[in-house]
Every structure is written in C-alpha cells, then in structure tokens.
Protein backbone atom coordinates (compact mmCIF):
# COMPACT_ATOMS: atom_id res chain seq x y z
CA MET A 1 -40.47 79.29 -76.86
CA ILE A 2 -42.65 82.20 -77.97
CA ASN A 3 -39.57 84.20 -78.89
CA ARG A 4 -38.21 81.29 -80.95
CA ILE A 5 -41.54 80.96 -82.80
CA THR A 6 -41.72 84.70 -83.40
CA THR A 7 -38.15 84.71 -84.68
CA GLY A 8 -38.90 81.79 -87.00
CA VAL A 9 -42.00 83.48 -88.40
CA ILE A 10 -40.09 86.67 -89.06
CA ALA A 11 -37.31 84.73 -90.78
CA LEU A 12 -39.86 82.90 -92.94
CA LEU A 13 -41.52 86.18 -93.91
CA VAL A 14 -38.14 87.64 -94.87
CA ILE A 15 -37.40 84.62 -97.09
CA VAL A 16 -40.81 84.75 -98.77
CA SER A 17 -40.47 88.50 -99.35
CA ALA A 18 -37.04 87.99 -100.89
CA VAL A 19 -38.34 85.26 -103.20
CA LEU A 20 -41.27 87.41 -104.30
CA LEU A 21 -38.98 90.38 -104.90
CA PHE A 22 -36.59 88.20 -106.94
CA ARG A 23 -39.46 86.82 -109.04
CA SER A 24 -40.83 90.30 -109.65
CA HIS A 25 -37.51 91.27 -111.25
CA MET A 26 -37.10 88.05 -113.25
CA GLU A 27 -40.64 87.56 -114.53
CA THR A 28 -42.01 90.11 -116.98
CA PRO A 29 -45.63 89.89 -118.12
CA ALA A 30 -45.98 88.35 -121.59
CA SER A 31 -47.51 91.57 -122.90
CA GLU A 32 -44.48 93.63 -121.82
CA PRO A 33 -41.28 91.60 -122.32
CA SER A 34 -38.06 93.41 -121.63
CA GLY A 35 -34.57 93.25 -123.03
CA ARG A 36 -33.05 92.83 -126.45
CA TYR A 37 -32.35 89.96 -128.77
CA THR A 38 -30.51 89.27 -132.00
CA VAL A 39 -32.21 88.71 -135.35
CA THR A 40 -30.86 88.13 -138.84
CA ASP A 41 -32.20 90.52 -141.47
CA SER A 42 -32.59 89.95 -145.21
CA ALA A 43 -29.05 91.18 -145.85
CA GLY A 44 -27.72 88.39 -143.63
CA ARG A 45 -26.73 90.86 -140.89
CA GLN A 46 -27.11 89.90 -137.23
CA VAL A 47 -28.70 92.87 -135.52
CA GLU A 48 -29.50 93.35 -131.84
CA ILE A 49 -32.90 94.99 -131.47
CA PRO A 50 -35.40 95.67 -128.66
CA ARG A 51 -37.83 92.86 -128.09
CA ARG A 52 -40.67 95.41 -128.05
CA PRO A 53 -39.44 98.56 -129.83
CA GLN A 54 -41.30 101.69 -128.79
CA ARG A 55 -39.90 104.26 -131.24
CA VAL A 56 -39.84 102.83 -134.76
CA VAL A 57 -38.96 104.73 -137.93
CA VAL A 58 -40.03 103.02 -141.18
CA LEU A 59 -38.34 104.05 -144.43
CA ASN A 60 -40.55 102.51 -147.12
CA ALA A 61 -44.26 102.12 -147.84
CA SER A 62 -44.42 98.32 -147.88
CA ASN A 63 -42.85 97.84 -144.47
CA LEU A 64 -44.95 100.67 -143.06
CA GLU A 65 -48.19 99.10 -144.25
CA LEU A 66 -47.23 95.65 -142.94
CA PHE A 67 -46.06 97.03 -139.58
CA TYR A 68 -49.37 98.82 -139.03
CA ALA A 69 -51.32 95.74 -140.17
CA ALA A 70 -49.52 93.79 -137.44
CA GLY A 71 -50.44 96.33 -134.77
CA GLY A 72 -47.31 98.48 -134.82
CA THR A 73 -47.03 102.26 -134.87
CA ALA A 74 -44.26 104.51 -136.16
CA ILE A 75 -42.71 107.80 -135.05
CA GLY A 76 -41.22 108.43 -138.52
CA ARG A 77 -42.33 107.42 -141.99
CA PRO A 78 -41.38 107.78 -145.67
CA SER A 79 -42.66 110.59 -147.86
CA THR A 80 -44.97 108.58 -150.11
CA GLU A 81 -48.53 108.40 -151.37
CA ALA A 82 -48.30 104.66 -152.12
CA LEU A 83 -50.29 103.65 -149.05
CA PRO A 84 -53.78 102.20 -148.52
CA PRO A 85 -56.28 104.85 -147.32
CA GLU A 86 -56.48 103.47 -143.79
CA VAL A 87 -52.70 103.54 -143.34
CA LYS A 88 -52.44 106.99 -144.92
CA ALA A 89 -54.99 108.24 -142.37
CA ALA A 90 -53.21 106.52 -139.47
CA VAL A 91 -49.83 108.12 -140.25
CA ARG A 92 -51.15 111.55 -141.25
CA ASN A 93 -49.54 113.21 -138.23
CA VAL A 94 -46.38 111.07 -138.18
CA PRO A 95 -43.30 113.07 -139.26
CA ALA A 96 -42.00 112.24 -142.74
CA VAL A 97 -38.26 111.56 -142.98
CA GLY A 98 -37.84 111.86 -146.74
CA ILE A 99 -38.30 109.64 -149.77
CA THR A 100 -37.30 105.98 -149.54
CA PRO A 101 -34.15 106.17 -151.72
CA ASN A 102 -32.86 109.27 -149.93
CA PRO A 103 -34.10 109.59 -146.33
CA ASN A 104 -33.03 112.53 -144.17
CA MET A 105 -30.51 111.18 -141.68
CA GLU A 106 -30.63 114.25 -139.43
CA GLN A 107 -34.39 113.88 -139.02
CA ILE A 108 -34.11 110.16 -138.32
CA VAL A 109 -31.44 110.58 -135.64
CA ALA A 110 -33.31 113.53 -134.09
CA LEU A 111 -36.38 111.32 -133.57
CA LYS A 112 -34.25 109.02 -131.35
CA PRO A 113 -35.71 105.74 -132.66
CA ASP A 114 -34.91 102.45 -131.01
CA LEU A 115 -35.38 100.66 -134.36
CA VAL A 116 -35.34 101.60 -138.06
CA LEU A 117 -37.00 99.40 -140.67
CA GLY A 118 -35.52 99.71 -144.16
CA VAL A 119 -35.13 97.68 -147.33
CA ASN A 120 -32.29 95.46 -148.50
CA MET A 121 -31.06 97.92 -151.12
CA ALA A 122 -27.81 99.83 -151.54
CA PHE A 123 -29.29 103.17 -150.52
CA HIS A 124 -30.25 101.81 -147.10
CA HIS A 125 -27.00 99.87 -146.67
CA ASN A 126 -25.36 103.28 -146.88
CA LEU A 127 -27.22 104.36 -143.72
CA ILE A 128 -25.72 101.65 -141.53
CA PRO A 129 -22.46 103.40 -140.48
CA VAL A 130 -24.21 106.60 -139.36
CA LEU A 131 -26.96 104.74 -137.50
CA ASP A 132 -24.44 102.39 -135.88
CA LYS A 133 -22.50 105.38 -134.60
CA ALA A 134 -25.73 106.80 -133.14
CA GLY A 135 -26.53 103.44 -131.51
CA ILE A 136 -29.65 102.95 -133.63
CA PRO A 137 -30.27 99.47 -135.08
CA ILE A 138 -31.60 99.16 -138.63
CA LEU A 139 -33.14 96.04 -140.15
CA LEU A 140 -32.93 95.69 -143.93
CA GLN A 141 -35.96 93.70 -145.08
CA SER A 142 -36.61 92.10 -148.48
CA LEU A 143 -40.18 91.90 -149.75
CA ASP A 144 -39.57 90.29 -153.14
CA ASN A 145 -42.17 87.54 -153.03
CA TYR A 146 -45.43 86.39 -151.51
CA GLN A 147 -43.85 84.27 -148.77
CA GLN A 148 -41.74 87.15 -147.50
CA ILE A 149 -44.91 89.17 -146.96
CA ILE A 150 -46.34 86.37 -144.80
CA ASP A 151 -43.10 85.92 -142.83
CA THR A 152 -42.71 89.67 -142.29
CA LEU A 153 -46.25 90.00 -140.93
CA HIS A 154 -45.57 87.27 -138.36
CA PHE A 155 -42.30 88.96 -137.36
CA TYR A 156 -43.90 92.39 -137.01
CA GLY A 157 -46.67 90.84 -134.92
CA GLU A 158 -44.00 89.70 -132.47
CA LEU A 159 -42.36 93.14 -132.44
CA SER A 160 -45.67 94.90 -131.78
CA GLY A 161 -46.75 92.38 -129.17
CA GLN A 162 -49.89 91.57 -131.18
CA PRO A 163 -49.23 88.20 -132.88
CA GLN A 164 -52.96 87.46 -133.03
CA ARG A 165 -53.58 90.59 -135.09
CA ALA A 166 -50.78 89.64 -137.48
CA GLU A 167 -52.14 86.11 -137.76
CA ALA A 168 -55.60 87.44 -138.62
CA ALA A 169 -54.07 89.51 -141.44
CA VAL A 170 -52.19 86.45 -142.69
CA GLU A 171 -55.37 84.37 -142.68
CA ARG A 172 -57.20 86.97 -144.77
CA ILE A 173 -54.36 87.11 -147.27
CA GLU A 174 -54.06 83.34 -147.58
CA ALA A 175 -57.80 82.87 -148.02
CA ARG A 176 -57.72 85.34 -150.90
CA TYR A 177 -54.61 83.70 -152.31
CA LYS A 178 -56.14 80.21 -152.33
CA ALA A 179 -59.34 81.47 -153.96
CA VAL A 180 -57.48 83.20 -156.79
CA VAL A 181 -54.90 80.47 -157.41
CA SER A 182 -57.56 77.73 -157.51
CA GLY A 183 -59.20 79.54 -160.43
CA SER A 184 -56.03 79.29 -162.52
CA ARG A 185 -55.61 75.54 -162.22
CA ASP A 186 -55.93 73.29 -165.28
CA ARG A 187 -55.75 76.24 -167.67
CA PRO A 188 -53.25 76.64 -170.52
CA ALA A 189 -50.20 78.54 -169.25
CA PRO A 190 -49.66 81.74 -171.24
CA LYS A 191 -46.15 82.88 -172.18
CA ILE A 192 -45.58 86.34 -170.75
CA VAL A 193 -43.10 89.19 -170.42
CA ILE A 194 -43.28 91.71 -167.57
CA ILE A 195 -41.58 95.00 -168.45
CA TRP A 196 -40.49 97.44 -165.77
CA GLY A 197 -40.10 100.96 -167.09
CA SER A 198 -38.29 103.93 -165.61
CA PRO A 199 -37.00 107.16 -167.16
CA GLU A 200 -33.57 105.53 -167.41
CA SER A 201 -34.26 102.10 -168.85
CA PHE A 202 -36.61 99.17 -169.49
CA ASN A 203 -36.05 95.82 -167.79
CA MET A 204 -37.79 92.45 -167.72
CA ALA A 205 -38.98 91.04 -164.38
CA THR A 206 -37.90 87.47 -163.65
CA SER A 207 -39.60 85.07 -161.25
CA ARG A 208 -37.29 86.33 -158.51
CA SER A 209 -39.04 89.72 -158.56
CA PHE A 210 -42.31 90.41 -156.78
CA PRO A 211 -44.53 90.56 -159.93
CA GLY A 212 -42.64 87.62 -161.42
CA ASP A 213 -43.24 85.56 -158.28
CA LEU A 214 -46.99 86.19 -158.51
CA ALA A 215 -47.04 85.25 -162.21
CA LYS A 216 -45.18 82.02 -161.42
CA ARG A 217 -47.63 81.14 -158.66
CA LEU A 218 -50.43 81.57 -161.21
CA GLY A 219 -48.74 79.17 -163.60
CA ALA A 220 -47.60 81.64 -166.27
CA VAL A 221 -44.41 80.97 -168.26
CA ASN A 222 -42.11 83.95 -167.70
CA LEU A 223 -39.88 84.40 -170.74
CA ALA A 224 -37.42 86.50 -168.72
CA ASP A 225 -36.32 83.38 -166.83
CA ARG A 226 -33.46 82.63 -169.21
CA GLY A 227 -30.82 80.12 -168.17
CA ASP A 228 -28.19 81.20 -170.66
CA ASP A 229 -27.35 84.56 -169.04
CA GLY A 230 -28.18 83.85 -165.40
CA GLY A 231 -31.33 85.93 -165.62
CA GLY A 232 -33.14 83.48 -163.36
CA GLN A 233 -30.86 84.51 -160.48
CA MET A 234 -31.79 88.19 -160.60
CA GLY A 235 -35.05 90.05 -160.09
CA TYR A 236 -34.71 92.10 -163.26
CA VAL A 237 -32.69 91.76 -166.45
CA PRO A 238 -32.16 94.24 -169.30
CA LEU A 239 -34.94 94.28 -171.87
CA SER A 240 -34.11 92.94 -175.32
CA ILE A 241 -36.75 93.68 -177.95
CA GLU A 242 -35.05 91.19 -180.27
CA TYR A 243 -35.34 88.45 -177.62
CA ILE A 244 -39.02 89.26 -177.07
CA ALA A 245 -39.61 89.12 -180.83
CA ARG A 246 -38.03 85.66 -181.03
CA GLN A 247 -40.06 84.34 -178.08
CA ASN A 248 -43.29 86.04 -179.23
CA PRO A 249 -45.17 86.15 -175.89
CA ASP A 250 -48.91 85.70 -175.55
CA MET A 251 -49.13 88.66 -173.14
CA ILE A 252 -47.00 91.63 -172.17
CA PHE A 253 -47.37 93.46 -168.86
CA LEU A 254 -46.07 96.96 -168.21
CA ILE A 255 -45.14 98.39 -164.82
CA THR A 256 -43.99 101.99 -164.71
CA HIS A 257 -41.99 103.59 -161.95
CA SER A 258 -44.45 106.47 -161.95
CA SER A 259 -47.06 108.13 -164.14
CA ASP A 260 -44.34 110.44 -165.48
CA GLU A 261 -45.00 111.39 -169.08
CA LYS A 262 -41.30 110.83 -169.78
CA ILE A 263 -41.80 107.10 -169.32
CA SER A 264 -44.80 107.03 -171.65
CA GLU A 265 -42.83 108.96 -174.25
CA LYS A 266 -39.87 106.62 -173.84
CA PHE A 267 -42.20 103.63 -174.28
CA ARG A 268 -43.71 105.07 -177.46
CA ASN A 269 -40.32 105.88 -178.94
CA GLU A 270 -38.30 102.82 -177.94
CA LEU A 271 -40.84 100.00 -177.81
CA ALA A 272 -44.14 100.79 -179.49
CA GLY A 273 -42.33 102.43 -182.38
CA HIS A 274 -39.96 99.49 -182.94
CA PRO A 275 -40.75 97.41 -186.08
CA ALA A 276 -40.36 94.15 -184.12
CA TRP A 277 -42.88 95.32 -181.50
CA LYS A 278 -45.64 95.78 -184.01
CA GLY A 279 -45.29 92.18 -185.19
CA LEU A 280 -45.69 90.62 -181.74
CA LYS A 281 -48.62 88.28 -181.11
CA ALA A 282 -49.45 90.06 -177.84
CA VAL A 283 -49.61 93.41 -179.62
CA ALA A 284 -51.74 92.07 -182.49
CA ASN A 285 -54.16 90.43 -180.04
CA ASN A 286 -54.43 93.51 -177.80
CA GLN A 287 -52.80 91.66 -174.91
CA VAL A 288 -50.50 94.42 -173.68
CA HIS A 289 -51.63 95.44 -170.18
CA ARG A 290 -50.43 98.10 -167.74
CA LEU A 291 -50.44 96.86 -164.16
CA PRO A 292 -51.58 99.27 -161.40
CA TYR A 293 -48.75 101.27 -159.85
CA ASN A 294 -50.01 100.89 -156.27
CA LEU A 295 -50.11 97.08 -156.53
CA PHE A 296 -47.02 96.34 -158.60
CA ALA A 297 -44.55 99.24 -158.68
CA VAL A 298 -44.19 98.85 -154.91
CA ASN A 299 -44.83 95.74 -152.87
CA PRO A 300 -48.55 95.93 -151.94
CA GLY A 301 -48.18 94.33 -148.50
CA THR A 302 -51.53 93.08 -147.24
CA GLN A 303 -53.07 93.98 -150.61
CA VAL A 304 -51.10 91.18 -152.27
CA GLY A 305 -54.35 89.25 -152.78
CA GLU A 306 -55.71 92.14 -154.83
CA ALA A 307 -52.53 92.24 -156.92
CA LEU A 308 -52.82 88.50 -157.51
CA ALA A 309 -56.47 88.86 -158.56
CA VAL A 310 -55.64 91.65 -161.03
CA LEU A 311 -52.90 89.58 -162.64
CA ALA A 312 -55.05 86.44 -162.72
CA GLY A 313 -57.83 88.42 -164.38
CA PHE A 314 -55.53 89.19 -167.29
CA LEU A 315 -53.91 85.74 -167.47
CA TYR A 316 -57.13 83.76 -167.12
CA PRO A 317 -60.23 85.91 -167.78
CA GLY A 318 -62.95 84.96 -165.35
CA ALA A 319 -60.56 83.21 -162.97
CA ALA A 320 -60.28 85.98 -160.35
CA GLU A 321 -63.13 86.67 -157.98
C-alpha cells in the first residue's frame, strides 16, 4: 500500500513538473513577448518584424523623434540636426548612418539591426532588395498628416513595450491640438497658398501634405486644392504664379528646404521679382510668412502642436496660446 501511494505521489509530481515546464515555455511575461508578427507599412507592404525589436536603425528625423518619445532607442540614426534638443542629446553617441535620402547601406548592415524604420519614399524603396537579402526588415512609414503622427506613436509604443509612455505623449499632443483648434472656430477662413521651395523648383502644398493638412484642420481655404488637374490627390503640385495671381490669396506661406542662400536668391528672382507677385493682396498687406524649418520642412513629430500654434497665429492672430 505504501509503495502504491509513493508511486502515485511521484507520478503526480512528474505530471505537475511537466505542466509547469510546458507553461514556462508557452507563457512569456507581457513585458518581454517573444516571436515575430506581420504588419502592413505605409507602402502597403506586409513585413514580418520582431514583436520587440532590440536593434533598431532609424533613417529619418521624424521617425527617430517619435520612436524615442514612445520609449524606443536606436543603434543607428540619420545625419541630421532637425531634432528637438532632448532627442539630439539622447542620440549623441548613436552612430550616424548617413543623410535620409542617401543612407550608407554598408554601415546599416554592419550594425546588424533587427528592424529599420524608413519613410515611404523612392529612395528608401530602393533599399528593400539589399536589406531583404541581408534578412533585415524595413518598414516604410508615411507621416503626411496629424493622424499619422498619433497612429505612429501608438505603434511605436507597442514596439518599445511602453504603450503607456506613448499614450501620455498622445494625450499631450491632443490637448494642445484641441486648445489651438478651438481658437480658430467661427472665424472667417482665409484663402492661402503654401509654397515649398528648393534649389530646383517651387511647389504648392495641397491638403494632402503635412502643412496643408494642418491648414485644413484650422479651417483655411488652400488654393492648391484644385480639382481640374488632380492636385487634390497629391501632396505637392507645381507652382503657377499666374494661377496665384488669379486666385489672389489672403496669405502666402513659404517653406524652404534649407536656409541655403540659393533658395532665397531663387525666390527673389523668380517670385518676388515677378510683376504679378507685386500685385498680390497678400504681398500688399504684408501677409507673406516664412514658416520655421524645424516645424514644417520636416514632420515635427511630437512638436506638431507647436507647428499648429505657429500656423494658427498667422491665420488667426490671437487664436494660438
């Protein structure tokens, strides 16, 4: 009898031990989930990525700022000064992998990342074959409007394992957003043109661009949203000084790709020196404004509330906090 009891106890202990061992392999603490899963990026690509990537390379300033705001860290970053001071300090010792339009592939591969965060632009699409061959997944993210900033913060909070930190950042942004937008209600909507300038050309930003999206949320009438040429389907359309002269906007906003003197010279020669420009209402009323590079030339990430306040201050004086 004693032997049978002893044998039964031993058998029970073996079963319990096996169950506990099985559970230890199947159950991973919430803070350290394992494995990979598939996500769809902004280019419509289905990409298998680690659930908690540990070695992330970020190729542009906006994604870098948002990733850090959501609790992430990077092992590689873009060569850029367009970062908030706190992020610039945090990544001071992180290796740079080149400028956003032309990152150094050898450096990226040598860092052995388990995830690369890029932008949905042709120059990062070109990286896909090399990274695929190296077994490195790349997500191509779009940050062309306010909502994409919010969605990206939530996503990066999941990647970093700190969704609460991401949610806190979102709450701060949305509180600022509501305060600024409420100040623009019930005010006459100004007609505007947003001009993007680079050494190569001048373009007008539509409501599908980041600055155009903010202007639309503030109630401005964007004259670049033309239905006759499909301009409303693109972020930027070629600038036509004749079209601007016919529409005669109340305000004109300038965004330059950099502070390069070549752009200022191009502006003086091609726009300010044009006879039609001098006759514009916005020019006569001193309503031509240059928007800050760090808030509008690149997506400002968590500083989107500040960008909105700057724009609202021009559109509706006294409206922004």
